[in-house]
Amino acid sequence: MRIKEIIVVEGKDDTAKLKQVFDVDTIETNGSAINQATLDQIKHAQEKRGVIIFTDPDYPGQRIRHIITNAVPNCKHAFLTKEEARGKHNKGIGIEHASPESIKTALAQVYQLENTKQSLISRDDLLELGLIGDALAKERRKKLTERLRMGYANGKQLLKRLQMFQITPDQLSAEMNVIFQEEADEQRKGNCNTK
Protein backbone atom coordinates (compact mmCIF):
# COMPACT_ATOMS: atom_id res chain seq x y z
CA MET A 1 0.00 0.00 0.00
CA ARG A 2 1.26 3.47 -0.93
CA ILE A 3 1.22 6.29 1.64
CA LYS A 4 0.67 9.70 0.06
CA GLU A 5 2.40 11.76 2.74
CA ILE A 6 6.13 11.74 3.38
CA ILE A 7 6.93 10.23 6.77
CA VAL A 8 9.54 11.86 8.99
CA VAL A 9 11.53 9.29 10.98
CA GLU A 10 14.70 9.41 13.04
CA GLY A 11 16.99 7.14 11.04
CA LYS A 12 17.67 4.61 8.29
CA ASP A 13 16.55 1.63 10.41
CA ASP A 14 13.12 3.26 10.81
CA THR A 15 12.95 3.83 7.04
CA ALA A 16 13.89 0.20 6.37
CA LYS A 17 11.18 -1.04 8.76
CA LEU A 18 8.51 1.18 7.17
CA LYS A 19 9.48 0.02 3.68
CA GLN A 20 8.88 -3.58 4.81
CA VAL A 21 5.28 -2.62 5.53
CA PHE A 22 4.39 0.14 3.02
CA ASP A 23 5.45 1.77 -0.21
CA VAL A 24 6.59 4.97 1.46
CA ASP A 25 8.96 7.91 1.14
CA THR A 26 10.72 9.16 4.25
CA ILE A 27 12.86 12.00 5.50
CA GLU A 28 15.37 10.98 8.17
CA THR A 29 16.31 13.47 10.88
CA ASN A 30 19.46 11.51 11.83
CA GLY A 31 18.33 11.36 15.42
CA SER A 32 18.09 14.52 17.47
CA ALA A 33 20.79 16.19 15.32
CA ILE A 34 18.04 17.79 13.23
CA ASN A 35 19.34 20.84 11.33
CA GLN A 36 17.89 23.70 9.30
CA ALA A 37 18.46 21.90 5.99
CA THR A 38 16.36 18.96 7.21
CA LEU A 39 13.65 21.33 8.49
CA ASP A 40 13.61 23.06 5.09
CA GLN A 41 13.23 19.66 3.40
CA ILE A 42 10.33 18.79 5.73
CA LYS A 43 8.69 22.17 5.04
CA HIS A 44 8.94 21.58 1.27
CA ALA A 45 7.51 18.06 1.69
CA GLN A 46 4.61 19.44 3.76
CA GLU A 47 3.77 21.95 1.00
CA LYS A 48 3.91 19.32 -1.77
CA ARG A 49 2.57 16.07 -0.31
CA GLY A 50 1.96 16.48 3.40
CA VAL A 51 4.03 15.08 6.25
CA ILE A 52 3.44 12.54 9.00
CA ILE A 53 5.85 12.81 11.95
CA PHE A 54 6.54 9.30 13.26
CA THR A 55 9.31 9.43 15.87
CA ASP A 56 10.26 7.03 18.64
CA PRO A 57 8.19 7.14 21.86
CA ASP A 58 11.06 8.39 24.01
CA TYR A 59 12.46 11.77 25.08
CA PRO A 60 14.63 12.33 21.96
CA GLY A 61 11.66 11.40 19.76
CA GLN A 62 9.40 13.86 21.59
CA ARG A 63 12.09 16.55 21.28
CA ILE A 64 12.38 16.00 17.51
CA ARG A 65 8.58 16.05 17.15
CA HIS A 66 8.45 19.34 19.08
CA ILE A 67 11.19 20.96 16.95
CA ILE A 68 9.48 19.96 13.70
CA THR A 69 6.01 20.99 14.91
CA ASN A 70 7.29 24.46 15.82
CA ALA A 71 9.14 24.88 12.50
CA VAL A 72 6.60 23.25 10.16
CA PRO A 73 2.95 23.72 11.15
CA ASN A 74 0.09 21.44 10.08
CA CYS A 75 2.02 18.18 10.03
CA LYS A 76 0.17 15.00 10.93
CA HIS A 77 1.34 12.84 13.84
CA ALA A 78 1.49 9.06 14.33
CA PHE A 79 2.44 7.41 17.61
CA LEU A 80 3.58 4.04 18.90
CA THR A 81 3.44 3.11 22.56
CA LYS A 82 6.69 2.26 24.32
CA GLU A 83 5.60 -1.37 24.55
CA GLU A 84 4.99 -1.53 20.78
CA ALA A 85 8.40 0.01 20.09
CA ARG A 86 10.43 -1.99 22.63
CA GLY A 87 13.21 -4.13 21.19
CA LYS A 88 13.69 -7.80 21.95
CA HIS A 89 15.44 -8.39 25.27
CA ASN A 90 14.84 -4.69 26.14
CA LYS A 91 17.46 -3.60 23.59
CA GLY A 92 16.16 -0.07 23.06
CA ILE A 93 12.98 1.63 21.95
CA GLY A 94 12.30 2.57 18.35
CA ILE A 95 10.09 2.26 15.32
CA GLU A 96 12.59 -0.24 13.91
CA HIS A 97 11.55 -2.71 16.66
CA ALA A 98 7.78 -2.43 16.13
CA SER A 99 5.68 -5.13 14.51
CA PRO A 100 4.12 -4.49 11.08
CA GLU A 101 0.68 -4.60 12.75
CA SER A 102 1.62 -1.88 15.26
CA ILE A 103 2.99 0.31 12.47
CA LYS A 104 -0.17 -0.16 10.39
CA THR A 105 -2.35 0.74 13.38
CA ALA A 106 -0.29 3.84 14.22
CA LEU A 107 -0.38 5.13 10.65
CA ALA A 108 -4.11 4.41 10.36
CA GLN A 109 -4.75 6.67 13.36
CA VAL A 110 -2.86 9.87 12.60
CA TYR A 111 -3.69 13.19 14.24
CA GLN A 112 -3.35 16.70 12.92
CA LEU A 113 -2.67 19.34 15.53
CA GLU A 114 -5.02 22.26 15.76
CA ASN A 115 -4.29 25.31 17.84
CA THR A 116 -7.74 26.01 19.15
CA LYS A 117 -8.18 28.70 21.75
CA GLN A 118 -11.49 27.36 22.95
CA SER A 119 -11.61 23.82 24.28
CA LEU A 120 -14.46 22.07 25.93
CA ILE A 121 -12.10 20.07 28.16
CA SER A 122 -10.77 21.88 31.21
CA ARG A 123 -8.24 21.26 33.97
CA ASP A 124 -11.20 20.69 36.30
CA ASP A 125 -12.34 17.84 34.03
CA LEU A 126 -8.90 16.22 34.36
CA LEU A 127 -9.08 16.56 38.16
CA GLU A 128 -12.59 15.12 38.24
CA LEU A 129 -11.52 12.14 36.10
CA GLY A 130 -8.49 11.48 38.29
CA LEU A 131 -6.01 12.25 35.50
CA ILE A 132 -4.20 14.77 37.70
CA GLY A 133 -4.03 15.13 41.46
CA ASP A 134 -4.85 11.49 42.18
CA ALA A 135 -2.77 8.53 43.35
CA LEU A 136 -3.71 6.65 40.16
CA ALA A 137 -3.31 9.67 37.83
CA LYS A 138 -0.04 8.61 36.20
CA GLU A 139 -1.31 5.12 35.37
CA ARG A 140 -4.63 6.52 34.09
CA ARG A 141 -2.80 9.04 31.84
CA LYS A 142 -0.64 6.21 30.51
CA LYS A 143 -3.71 4.09 29.69
CA LEU A 144 -5.60 7.06 28.20
CA THR A 145 -2.78 8.24 25.95
CA GLU A 146 -2.19 4.66 24.78
CA ARG A 147 -5.89 4.20 23.99
CA LEU A 148 -5.98 7.51 22.10
CA ARG A 149 -2.58 6.74 20.45
CA MET A 150 -1.23 10.21 21.14
CA GLY A 151 1.99 9.55 23.03
CA TYR A 152 2.39 9.67 26.80
CA ALA A 153 1.76 13.05 28.42
CA ASN A 154 2.50 14.12 31.98
CA GLY A 155 -0.04 16.09 34.00
CA LYS A 156 1.04 19.45 32.58
CA GLN A 157 1.09 18.24 28.96
CA LEU A 158 -2.17 16.29 28.94
CA LEU A 159 -4.67 19.16 28.71
CA LYS A 160 -2.73 20.84 25.91
CA ARG A 161 -2.40 17.59 23.99
CA LEU A 162 -6.11 16.75 24.35
CA GLN A 163 -6.92 20.24 23.05
CA MET A 164 -4.42 20.13 20.19
CA PHE A 165 -5.65 16.72 19.01
CA GLN A 166 -9.23 17.96 19.32
CA ILE A 167 -10.37 15.21 21.67
CA THR A 168 -13.97 15.93 22.56
CA PRO A 169 -15.44 15.63 26.06
CA ASP A 170 -17.51 12.68 24.80
CA GLN A 171 -14.39 10.90 23.48
CA LEU A 172 -12.57 11.56 26.75
CA SER A 173 -15.52 10.34 28.81
CA ALA A 174 -15.90 7.16 26.72
CA GLU A 175 -12.20 6.27 27.04
CA MET A 176 -12.17 6.99 30.76
CA ASN A 177 -15.27 4.81 31.27
CA VAL A 178 -13.34 1.90 29.73
CA ILE A 179 -10.37 2.64 32.01
CA PHE A 180 -12.59 2.88 35.10
CA GLN A 181 -14.23 -0.44 34.15
CA GLU A 182 -10.77 -2.06 33.83
CA GLU A 183 -9.85 -0.70 37.27
CA ALA A 184 -13.09 -2.07 38.76
CA ASP A 185 -12.46 -5.48 37.16
CA GLU A 186 -8.90 -5.54 38.53
CA GLN A 187 -10.22 -4.55 41.97
CA ARG A 188 -12.77 -7.40 41.89
CA LYS A 189 -10.08 -9.89 40.86
CA GLY A 190 -7.87 -8.66 43.70
CA ASN A 191 -10.71 -9.10 46.20
CA CYS A 192 -11.45 -12.61 44.91
CA ASN A 193 -7.81 -13.65 45.23
CA THR A 194 -7.61 -12.55 48.89
CA LYS A 195 -10.62 -14.66 49.96
C-alpha atoms as a PDB file:
ATOM      1  CA  MET A   1       0.000   0.000   0.000  1.00  0.00           C
ATOM      2  CA  ARG A   2       1.265   3.473  -0.928  1.00  0.00           C
ATOM      3  CA  ILE A   3       1.220   6.285   1.643  1.00  0.00           C
ATOM      4  CA  LYS A   4       0.670   9.705   0.057  1.00  0.00           C
ATOM      5  CA  GLU A   5       2.403  11.756   2.744  1.00  0.00           C
ATOM      6  CA  ILE A   6       6.127  11.736   3.385  1.00  0.00           C
ATOM      7  CA  ILE A   7       6.926  10.226   6.774  1.00  0.00           C
ATOM      8  CA  VAL A   8       9.544  11.859   8.988  1.00  0.00           C
ATOM      9  CA  VAL A   9      11.533   9.294  10.984  1.00  0.00           C
ATOM     10  CA  GLU A  10      14.704   9.409  13.041  1.00  0.00           C
ATOM     11  CA  GLY A  11      16.988   7.139  11.035  1.00  0.00           C
ATOM     12  CA  LYS A  12      17.669   4.606   8.289  1.00  0.00           C
ATOM     13  CA  ASP A  13      16.553   1.632  10.409  1.00  0.00           C
ATOM     14  CA  ASP A  14      13.123   3.264  10.806  1.00  0.00           C
ATOM     15  CA  THR A  15      12.952   3.831   7.042  1.00  0.00           C
ATOM     16  CA  ALA A  16      13.888   0.205   6.366  1.00  0.00           C
ATOM     17  CA  LYS A  17      11.184  -1.036   8.759  1.00  0.00           C
ATOM     18  CA  LEU A  18       8.510   1.184   7.169  1.00  0.00           C
ATOM     19  CA  LYS A  19       9.484   0.023   3.680  1.00  0.00           C
ATOM     20  CA  GLN A  20       8.884  -3.578   4.809  1.00  0.00           C
ATOM     21  CA  VAL A  21       5.277  -2.622   5.534  1.00  0.00           C
ATOM     22  CA  PHE A  22       4.388   0.141   3.023  1.00  0.00           C
ATOM     23  CA  ASP A  23       5.449   1.768  -0.206  1.00  0.00           C
ATOM     24  CA  VAL A  24       6.585   4.973   1.464  1.00  0.00           C
ATOM     25  CA  ASP A  25       8.960   7.913   1.144  1.00  0.00           C
ATOM     26  CA  THR A  26      10.720   9.156   4.255  1.00  0.00           C
ATOM     27  CA  ILE A  27      12.859  11.997   5.504  1.00  0.00           C
ATOM     28  CA  GLU A  28      15.366  10.982   8.172  1.00  0.00           C
ATOM     29  CA  THR A  29      16.310  13.467  10.883  1.00  0.00           C
ATOM     30  CA  ASN A  30      19.461  11.513  11.829  1.00  0.00           C
ATOM     31  CA  GLY A  31      18.327  11.361  15.425  1.00  0.00           C
ATOM     32  CA  SER A  32      18.092  14.523  17.467  1.00  0.00           C
ATOM     33  CA  ALA A  33      20.790  16.186  15.320  1.00  0.00           C
ATOM     34  CA  ILE A  34      18.045  17.790  13.227  1.00  0.00           C
ATOM     35  CA  ASN A  35      19.344  20.839  11.334  1.00  0.00           C
ATOM     36  CA  GLN A  36      17.893  23.704   9.302  1.00  0.00           C
ATOM     37  CA  ALA A  37      18.457  21.901   5.987  1.00  0.00           C
ATOM     38  CA  THR A  38      16.359  18.960   7.210  1.00  0.00           C
ATOM     39  CA  LEU A  39      13.654  21.332   8.492  1.00  0.00           C
ATOM     40  CA  ASP A  40      13.608  23.057   5.085  1.00  0.00           C
ATOM     41  CA  GLN A  41      13.232  19.663   3.398  1.00  0.00           C
ATOM     42  CA  ILE A  42      10.331  18.795   5.732  1.00  0.00           C
ATOM     43  CA  LYS A  43       8.686  22.165   5.043  1.00  0.00           C
ATOM     44  CA  HIS A  44       8.937  21.584   1.270  1.00  0.00           C
ATOM     45  CA  ALA A  45       7.507  18.065   1.688  1.00  0.00           C
ATOM     46  CA  GLN A  46       4.614  19.443   3.757  1.00  0.00           C
ATOM     47  CA  GLU A  47       3.774  21.949   1.003  1.00  0.00           C
ATOM     48  CA  LYS A  48       3.913  19.324  -1.767  1.00  0.00           C
ATOM     49  CA  ARG A  49       2.568  16.066  -0.311  1.00  0.00           C
ATOM     50  CA  GLY A  50       1.962  16.485   3.403  1.00  0.00           C
ATOM     51  CA  VAL A  51       4.031  15.080   6.252  1.00  0.00           C
ATOM     52  CA  ILE A  52       3.440  12.537   9.004  1.00  0.00           C
ATOM     53  CA  ILE A  53       5.846  12.811  11.947  1.00  0.00           C
ATOM     54  CA  PHE A  54       6.543   9.298  13.257  1.00  0.00           C
ATOM     55  CA  THR A  55       9.307   9.432  15.869  1.00  0.00           C
ATOM     56  CA  ASP A  56      10.261   7.026  18.639  1.00  0.00           C
ATOM     57  CA  PRO A  57       8.193   7.136  21.862  1.00  0.00           C
ATOM     58  CA  ASP A  58      11.064   8.390  24.014  1.00  0.00           C
ATOM     59  CA  TYR A  59      12.456  11.768  25.084  1.00  0.00           C
ATOM     60  CA  PRO A  60      14.626  12.334  21.962  1.00  0.00           C
ATOM     61  CA  GLY A  61      11.655  11.395  19.762  1.00  0.00           C
ATOM     62  CA  GLN A  62       9.397  13.856  21.593  1.00  0.00           C
ATOM     63  CA  ARG A  63      12.085  16.550  21.275  1.00  0.00           C
ATOM     64  CA  ILE A  64      12.379  16.001  17.512  1.00  0.00           C
ATOM     65  CA  ARG A  65       8.577  16.048  17.151  1.00  0.00           C
ATOM     66  CA  HIS A  66       8.448  19.343  19.077  1.00  0.00           C
ATOM     67  CA  ILE A  67      11.193  20.963  16.949  1.00  0.00           C
ATOM     68  CA  ILE A  68       9.477  19.956  13.704  1.00  0.00           C
ATOM     69  CA  THR A  69       6.014  20.986  14.910  1.00  0.00           C
ATOM     70  CA  ASN A  70       7.291  24.460  15.818  1.00  0.00           C
ATOM     71  CA  ALA A  71       9.136  24.880  12.497  1.00  0.00           C
ATOM     72  CA  VAL A  72       6.596  23.253  10.155  1.00  0.00           C
ATOM     73  CA  PRO A  73       2.949  23.722  11.151  1.00  0.00           C
ATOM     74  CA  ASN A  74       0.090  21.444  10.077  1.00  0.00           C
ATOM     75  CA  CYS A  75       2.018  18.176  10.032  1.00  0.00           C
ATOM     76  CA  LYS A  76       0.171  15.002  10.929  1.00  0.00           C
ATOM     77  CA  HIS A  77       1.337  12.844  13.843  1.00  0.00           C
ATOM     78  CA  ALA A  78       1.487   9.063  14.331  1.00  0.00           C
ATOM     79  CA  PHE A  79       2.435   7.409  17.607  1.00  0.00           C
ATOM     80  CA  LEU A  80       3.579   4.040  18.903  1.00  0.00           C
ATOM     81  CA  THR A  81       3.439   3.110  22.560  1.00  0.00           C
ATOM     82  CA  LYS A  82       6.694   2.264  24.323  1.00  0.00           C
ATOM     83  CA  GLU A  83       5.597  -1.366  24.553  1.00  0.00           C
ATOM     84  CA  GLU A  84       4.989  -1.532  20.784  1.00  0.00           C
ATOM     85  CA  ALA A  85       8.403   0.012  20.094  1.00  0.00           C
ATOM     86  CA  ARG A  86      10.435  -1.991  22.633  1.00  0.00           C
ATOM     87  CA  GLY A  87      13.211  -4.126  21.194  1.00  0.00           C
ATOM     88  CA  LYS A  88      13.690  -7.801  21.953  1.00  0.00           C
ATOM     89  CA  HIS A  89      15.436  -8.395  25.270  1.00  0.00           C
ATOM     90  CA  ASN A  90      14.841  -4.694  26.142  1.00  0.00           C
ATOM     91  CA  LYS A  91      17.465  -3.602  23.595  1.00  0.00           C
ATOM     92  CA  GLY A  92      16.162  -0.070  23.059  1.00  0.00           C
ATOM     93  CA  ILE A  93      12.978   1.625  21.945  1.00  0.00           C
ATOM     94  CA  GLY A  94      12.303   2.568  18.354  1.00  0.00           C
ATOM     95  CA  ILE A  95      10.088   2.260  15.318  1.00  0.00           C
ATOM     96  CA  GLU A  96      12.586  -0.239  13.908  1.00  0.00           C
ATOM     97  CA  HIS A  97      11.554  -2.709  16.663  1.00  0.00           C
ATOM     98  CA  ALA A  98       7.775  -2.432  16.126  1.00  0.00           C
ATOM     99  CA  SER A  99       5.675  -5.126  14.509  1.00  0.00           C
ATOM    100  CA  PRO A 100       4.122  -4.494  11.083  1.00  0.00           C
ATOM    101  CA  GLU A 101       0.679  -4.600  12.747  1.00  0.00           C
ATOM    102  CA  SER A 102       1.617  -1.883  15.259  1.00  0.00           C
ATOM    103  CA  ILE A 103       2.994   0.310  12.473  1.00  0.00           C
ATOM    104  CA  LYS A 104      -0.165  -0.157  10.388  1.00  0.00           C
ATOM    105  CA  THR A 105      -2.350   0.736  13.381  1.00  0.00           C
ATOM    106  CA  ALA A 106      -0.293   3.837  14.221  1.00  0.00           C
ATOM    107  CA  LEU A 107      -0.382   5.132  10.650  1.00  0.00           C
ATOM    108  CA  ALA A 108      -4.114   4.406  10.363  1.00  0.00           C
ATOM    109  CA  GLN A 109      -4.754   6.670  13.360  1.00  0.00           C
ATOM    110  CA  VAL A 110      -2.863   9.870  12.599  1.00  0.00           C
ATOM    111  CA  TYR A 111      -3.689  13.193  14.237  1.00  0.00           C
ATOM    112  CA  GLN A 112      -3.350  16.701  12.920  1.00  0.00           C
ATOM    113  CA  LEU A 113      -2.670  19.338  15.530  1.00  0.00           C
ATOM    114  CA  GLU A 114      -5.019  22.256  15.760  1.00  0.00           C
ATOM    115  CA  ASN A 115      -4.290  25.314  17.845  1.00  0.00           C
ATOM    116  CA  THR A 116      -7.740  26.012  19.147  1.00  0.00           C
ATOM    117  CA  LYS A 117      -8.176  28.698  21.746  1.00  0.00           C
ATOM    118  CA  GLN A 118     -11.491  27.356  22.948  1.00  0.00           C
ATOM    119  CA  SER A 119     -11.614  23.824  24.285  1.00  0.00           C
ATOM    120  CA  LEU A 120     -14.458  22.069  25.929  1.00  0.00           C
ATOM    121  CA  ILE A 121     -12.099  20.067  28.157  1.00  0.00           C
ATOM    122  CA  SER A 122     -10.770  21.883  31.208  1.00  0.00           C
ATOM    123  CA  ARG A 123      -8.243  21.265  33.970  1.00  0.00           C
ATOM    124  CA  ASP A 124     -11.201  20.692  36.300  1.00  0.00           C
ATOM    125  CA  ASP A 125     -12.339  17.841  34.034  1.00  0.00           C
ATOM    126  CA  LEU A 126      -8.902  16.222  34.361  1.00  0.00           C
ATOM    127  CA  LEU A 127      -9.080  16.563  38.158  1.00  0.00           C
ATOM    128  CA  GLU A 128     -12.593  15.116  38.245  1.00  0.00           C
ATOM    129  CA  LEU A 129     -11.524  12.142  36.097  1.00  0.00           C
ATOM    130  CA  GLY A 130      -8.492  11.484  38.295  1.00  0.00           C
ATOM    131  CA  LEU A 131      -6.010  12.246  35.501  1.00  0.00           C
ATOM    132  CA  ILE A 132      -4.201  14.771  37.696  1.00  0.00           C
ATOM    133  CA  GLY A 133      -4.026  15.126  41.463  1.00  0.00           C
ATOM    134  CA  ASP A 134      -4.850  11.488  42.177  1.00  0.00           C
ATOM    135  CA  ALA A 135      -2.765   8.530  43.345  1.00  0.00           C
ATOM    136  CA  LEU A 136      -3.714   6.654  40.159  1.00  0.00           C
ATOM    137  CA  ALA A 137      -3.308   9.670  37.833  1.00  0.00           C
ATOM    138  CA  LYS A 138      -0.042   8.612  36.199  1.00  0.00           C
ATOM    139  CA  GLU A 139      -1.311   5.116  35.374  1.00  0.00           C
ATOM    140  CA  ARG A 140      -4.627   6.524  34.093  1.00  0.00           C
ATOM    141  CA  ARG A 141      -2.796   9.036  31.842  1.00  0.00           C
ATOM    142  CA  LYS A 142      -0.637   6.206  30.506  1.00  0.00           C
ATOM    143  CA  LYS A 143      -3.712   4.092  29.690  1.00  0.00           C
ATOM    144  CA  LEU A 144      -5.598   7.056  28.202  1.00  0.00           C
ATOM    145  CA  THR A 145      -2.777   8.237  25.949  1.00  0.00           C
ATOM    146  CA  GLU A 146      -2.185   4.655  24.776  1.00  0.00           C
ATOM    147  CA  ARG A 147      -5.886   4.199  23.991  1.00  0.00           C
ATOM    148  CA  LEU A 148      -5.976   7.509  22.097  1.00  0.00           C
ATOM    149  CA  ARG A 149      -2.581   6.737  20.453  1.00  0.00           C
ATOM    150  CA  MET A 150      -1.231  10.213  21.141  1.00  0.00           C
ATOM    151  CA  GLY A 151       1.986   9.551  23.028  1.00  0.00           C
ATOM    152  CA  TYR A 152       2.394   9.672  26.799  1.00  0.00           C
ATOM    153  CA  ALA A 153       1.760  13.048  28.421  1.00  0.00           C
ATOM    154  CA  ASN A 154       2.499  14.119  31.978  1.00  0.00           C
ATOM    155  CA  GLY A 155      -0.039  16.086  33.998  1.00  0.00           C
ATOM    156  CA  LYS A 156       1.038  19.450  32.580  1.00  0.00           C
ATOM    157  CA  GLN A 157       1.086  18.240  28.963  1.00  0.00           C
ATOM    158  CA  LEU A 158      -2.170  16.286  28.943  1.00  0.00           C
ATOM    159  CA  LEU A 159      -4.668  19.157  28.709  1.00  0.00           C
ATOM    160  CA  LYS A 160      -2.728  20.842  25.906  1.00  0.00           C
ATOM    161  CA  ARG A 161      -2.400  17.589  23.985  1.00  0.00           C
ATOM    162  CA  LEU A 162      -6.108  16.754  24.345  1.00  0.00           C
ATOM    163  CA  GLN A 163      -6.921  20.235  23.048  1.00  0.00           C
ATOM    164  CA  MET A 164      -4.419  20.134  20.187  1.00  0.00           C
ATOM    165  CA  PHE A 165      -5.647  16.722  19.014  1.00  0.00           C
ATOM    166  CA  GLN A 166      -9.228  17.958  19.317  1.00  0.00           C
ATOM    167  CA  ILE A 167     -10.366  15.214  21.668  1.00  0.00           C
ATOM    168  CA  THR A 168     -13.973  15.931  22.558  1.00  0.00           C
ATOM    169  CA  PRO A 169     -15.435  15.630  26.062  1.00  0.00           C
ATOM    170  CA  ASP A 170     -17.508  12.675  24.796  1.00  0.00           C
ATOM    171  CA  GLN A 171     -14.390  10.898  23.484  1.00  0.00           C
ATOM    172  CA  LEU A 172     -12.568  11.560  26.748  1.00  0.00           C
ATOM    173  CA  SER A 173     -15.518  10.339  28.805  1.00  0.00           C
ATOM    174  CA  ALA A 174     -15.904   7.158  26.720  1.00  0.00           C
ATOM    175  CA  GLU A 175     -12.204   6.270  27.035  1.00  0.00           C
ATOM    176  CA  MET A 176     -12.175   6.993  30.762  1.00  0.00           C
ATOM    177  CA  ASN A 177     -15.270   4.814  31.273  1.00  0.00           C
ATOM    178  CA  VAL A 178     -13.341   1.900  29.733  1.00  0.00           C
ATOM    179  CA  ILE A 179     -10.367   2.639  32.005  1.00  0.00           C
ATOM    180  CA  PHE A 180     -12.589   2.881  35.098  1.00  0.00           C
ATOM    181  CA  GLN A 181     -14.232  -0.436  34.151  1.00  0.00           C
ATOM    182  CA  GLU A 182     -10.774  -2.061  33.831  1.00  0.00           C
ATOM    183  CA  GLU A 183      -9.854  -0.701  37.268  1.00  0.00           C
ATOM    184  CA  ALA A 184     -13.088  -2.066  38.762  1.00  0.00           C
ATOM    185  CA  ASP A 185     -12.460  -5.481  37.157  1.00  0.00           C
ATOM    186  CA  GLU A 186      -8.902  -5.536  38.531  1.00  0.00           C
ATOM    187  CA  GLN A 187     -10.224  -4.550  41.966  1.00  0.00           C
ATOM    188  CA  ARG A 188     -12.766  -7.400  41.890  1.00  0.00           C
ATOM    189  CA  LYS A 189     -10.077  -9.893  40.856  1.00  0.00           C
ATOM    190  CA  GLY A 190      -7.872  -8.658  43.700  1.00  0.00           C
ATOM    191  CA  ASN A 191     -10.714  -9.098  46.201  1.00  0.00           C
ATOM    192  CA  CYS A 192     -11.454 -12.612  44.913  1.00  0.00           C
ATOM    193  CA  ASN A 193      -7.810 -13.646  45.231  1.00  0.00           C
ATOM    194  CA  THR A 194      -7.614 -12.548  48.888  1.00  0.00           C
ATOM    195  CA  LYS A 195     -10.619 -14.656  49.959  1.00  0.00           C
END
